[in-house]
């Protein structure tokens, strides 16, 4: 029987779970949820997304996003604007009160990264990033061989990381 403590798939899945738990705890300390953080991050990077597009990125049902947006809208952080070409679609935009929250999220992201990589040599961190980029590329491309990633392309959106993946309604 394999040692699951050193099994790559088990280790990646368990690490992602623990990372979600840590991020949930940090989001709750700011009176928010990881899902709300994910929405704010995606809207900062791609203003004007529709609820449907956001649901696809977050891999949740559109009704889940609608409820989360309702809560963020009530807090004055997000507003829905009608799509100029299709009146059935609402475009989502951040409002000024979101700026300090996005700063807090970035501070937390940096703190978690420092926690995770503390005691590691920079070469180990680089090797881990390269390895994860390769794994991600293989999965995105459907198991085709991946090209070597340019280190400048390693800045992934936070929502694409376990820090804010798989949001729950809060």
Protein backbone atom coordinates (compact mmCIF):
# COMPACT_ATOMS: atom_id res chain seq x y z
CA UNK A 1 0.00 0.00 0.00
CA UNK A 2 1.43 3.42 -0.94
CA UNK A 3 2.33 5.98 1.68
CA UNK A 4 -0.43 8.54 1.14
CA UNK A 5 1.58 11.18 3.00
CA UNK A 6 3.94 11.20 -0.01
CA UNK A 7 1.41 10.46 -2.75
CA UNK A 8 1.45 13.45 -5.13
CA UNK A 9 -2.29 13.57 -5.86
CA UNK A 10 -3.32 13.07 -2.25
CA UNK A 11 -0.79 15.67 -1.12
CA UNK A 12 -1.99 18.25 -3.67
CA UNK A 13 -5.66 17.71 -2.82
CA UNK A 14 -5.06 17.75 0.93
CA UNK A 15 -2.87 20.84 0.66
CA UNK A 16 -5.55 22.63 -1.38
CA UNK A 17 -8.14 21.69 1.28
CA UNK A 18 -5.95 23.04 4.07
CA UNK A 19 -5.30 26.20 2.07
CA UNK A 20 -9.05 26.72 1.61
CA UNK A 21 -9.56 26.27 5.37
CA UNK A 22 -6.84 28.83 6.14
CA UNK A 23 -8.25 31.30 3.62
CA UNK A 24 -11.81 30.82 4.90
CA UNK A 25 -10.55 31.67 8.39
CA UNK A 26 -8.79 34.81 7.14
CA UNK A 27 -11.83 35.94 5.13
CA UNK A 28 -14.14 35.41 8.13
CA UNK A 29 -11.80 37.57 10.24
CA UNK A 30 -12.61 40.36 7.75
CA UNK A 31 -16.36 39.63 7.92
CA UNK A 32 -16.35 38.15 4.42
CA UNK A 33 -16.17 34.78 2.72
CA UNK A 34 -13.59 33.28 0.40
CA UNK A 35 -16.27 33.30 -2.29
CA UNK A 36 -16.81 37.04 -1.86
CA UNK A 37 -13.07 37.59 -2.06
CA UNK A 38 -12.96 35.58 -5.28
CA UNK A 39 -15.71 37.67 -6.85
CA UNK A 40 -13.99 40.93 -5.93
CA UNK A 41 -10.68 39.72 -7.35
CA UNK A 42 -12.22 38.58 -10.64
CA UNK A 43 -14.13 41.85 -11.02
CA UNK A 44 -10.99 43.85 -10.33
CA UNK A 45 -9.19 41.95 -13.09
CA UNK A 46 -12.12 41.88 -15.51
CA UNK A 47 -14.58 44.71 -14.82
CA UNK A 48 -17.97 44.36 -16.43
CA UNK A 49 -18.22 40.57 -16.27
CA UNK A 50 -21.72 39.15 -16.30
CA UNK A 51 -22.99 36.99 -13.48
CA UNK A 52 -23.00 34.03 -15.87
CA UNK A 53 -19.36 34.60 -16.86
CA UNK A 54 -18.38 34.94 -13.22
CA UNK A 55 -20.21 31.72 -12.35
CA UNK A 56 -18.27 29.91 -15.07
CA UNK A 57 -14.92 31.19 -13.76
CA UNK A 58 -15.81 30.24 -10.19
CA UNK A 59 -17.34 26.91 -11.26
CA UNK A 60 -20.60 27.48 -9.41
CA UNK A 61 -24.21 27.87 -10.43
CA UNK A 62 -25.33 31.35 -11.57
CA UNK A 63 -27.85 31.51 -8.70
CA UNK A 64 -24.95 31.16 -6.24
CA UNK A 65 -23.18 34.11 -7.83
CA UNK A 66 -26.43 36.10 -7.85
CA UNK A 67 -26.83 35.61 -4.09
CA UNK A 68 -23.22 36.53 -3.42
CA UNK A 69 -23.56 39.63 -5.59
CA UNK A 70 -26.74 40.57 -3.70
CA UNK A 71 -24.72 40.56 -0.47
CA UNK A 72 -21.83 42.52 -1.96
CA UNK A 73 -24.27 44.99 -3.50
CA UNK A 74 -25.94 45.49 -0.10
CA UNK A 75 -22.50 46.34 1.33
CA UNK A 76 -21.95 48.96 -1.40
CA UNK A 77 -19.07 47.08 -3.01
CA UNK A 78 -20.55 45.95 -6.32
CA UNK A 79 -23.17 47.32 -8.64
CA UNK A 80 -25.09 45.74 -11.48
CA UNK A 81 -25.31 47.76 -14.68
CA UNK A 82 -27.42 46.81 -17.67
CA UNK A 83 -25.57 45.48 -20.69
CA UNK A 84 -25.89 48.05 -23.49
CA UNK A 85 -26.46 45.32 -26.10
CA UNK A 86 -28.62 42.83 -24.22
CA UNK A 87 -31.08 43.99 -21.57
CA UNK A 88 -31.25 40.49 -20.07
CA UNK A 89 -27.61 40.70 -18.96
CA UNK A 90 -26.28 42.59 -15.95
CA UNK A 91 -22.64 43.70 -15.97
CA UNK A 92 -20.86 43.76 -12.62
CA UNK A 93 -18.64 46.61 -11.50
CA UNK A 94 -16.71 47.35 -8.32
CA UNK A 95 -17.47 50.47 -6.33
CA UNK A 96 -14.93 52.63 -4.43
CA UNK A 97 -15.54 51.01 -0.99
CA UNK A 98 -13.97 47.85 -2.41
CA UNK A 99 -10.46 49.37 -2.65
CA UNK A 100 -9.49 48.83 1.01
CA UNK A 101 -10.94 45.31 0.91
CA UNK A 102 -8.85 44.44 -2.15
CA UNK A 103 -5.81 45.80 -0.32
CA UNK A 104 -6.64 43.56 2.67
CA UNK A 105 -7.03 40.55 0.37
CA UNK A 106 -3.63 41.23 -1.19
CA UNK A 107 -2.08 41.58 2.26
CA UNK A 108 -3.57 38.23 3.25
CA UNK A 109 -2.38 36.62 0.00
CA UNK A 110 1.16 37.80 0.68
CA UNK A 111 0.98 36.61 4.31
CA UNK A 112 -0.21 33.14 3.29
CA UNK A 113 2.50 32.91 0.63
CA UNK A 114 5.13 33.87 3.21
CA UNK A 115 3.72 31.30 5.64
CA UNK A 116 3.76 28.55 3.01
CA UNK A 117 7.23 29.28 1.68
CA UNK A 118 8.91 30.21 4.97
CA UNK A 119 12.09 28.21 5.39
CA UNK A 120 12.27 27.29 1.71
CA UNK A 121 15.14 28.29 -0.51
CA UNK A 122 14.18 30.60 -3.39
CA UNK A 123 15.21 27.82 -5.78
CA UNK A 124 12.72 25.46 -4.13
CA UNK A 125 9.95 28.02 -4.46
CA UNK A 126 10.82 28.57 -8.13
CA UNK A 127 10.88 24.80 -8.75
CA UNK A 128 7.49 24.41 -7.03
CA UNK A 129 6.00 27.21 -9.13
CA UNK A 130 7.38 25.69 -12.33
CA UNK A 131 6.07 22.26 -11.37
CA UNK A 132 2.60 23.57 -10.58
CA UNK A 133 2.53 25.61 -13.79
CA UNK A 134 3.35 22.45 -15.71
CA UNK A 135 0.61 20.47 -13.91
CA UNK A 136 -1.91 23.26 -14.54
CA UNK A 137 -0.92 23.52 -18.20
CA UNK A 138 -1.31 19.77 -18.71
CA UNK A 139 -4.76 19.84 -17.14
CA UNK A 140 -5.85 22.93 -19.10
CA UNK A 141 -4.57 21.51 -22.38
CA UNK A 142 -6.14 18.11 -21.82
CA UNK A 143 -2.93 16.17 -21.09
CA UNK A 144 -0.98 17.52 -24.08
CA UNK A 145 2.68 18.30 -23.40
CA UNK A 146 3.10 21.81 -22.01
CA UNK A 147 5.63 24.39 -23.16
CA UNK A 148 8.04 25.75 -20.60
CA UNK A 149 6.37 28.63 -18.82
CA UNK A 150 7.87 32.08 -18.96
CA UNK A 151 8.45 33.11 -15.29
CA UNK A 152 6.75 36.43 -16.05
CA UNK A 153 3.54 34.46 -16.72
CA UNK A 154 3.47 32.88 -13.25
CA UNK A 155 1.28 35.55 -11.68
CA UNK A 156 -2.01 33.67 -11.66
CA UNK A 157 -5.26 35.32 -10.67
CA UNK A 158 -5.99 34.59 -7.04
CA UNK A 159 -9.30 33.07 -7.97
CA UNK A 160 -7.49 30.48 -10.00
CA UNK A 161 -5.71 29.33 -6.86
CA UNK A 162 -7.07 27.31 -3.98
CA UNK A 163 -7.24 30.50 -1.92
CA UNK A 164 -10.58 31.37 -3.39
CA UNK A 165 -11.71 28.38 -5.40
CA UNK A 166 -14.97 26.50 -4.83
CA UNK A 167 -16.89 29.28 -3.10
CA UNK A 168 -19.68 28.56 -0.68
CA UNK A 169 -22.63 30.79 0.03
CA UNK A 170 -22.22 32.66 3.28
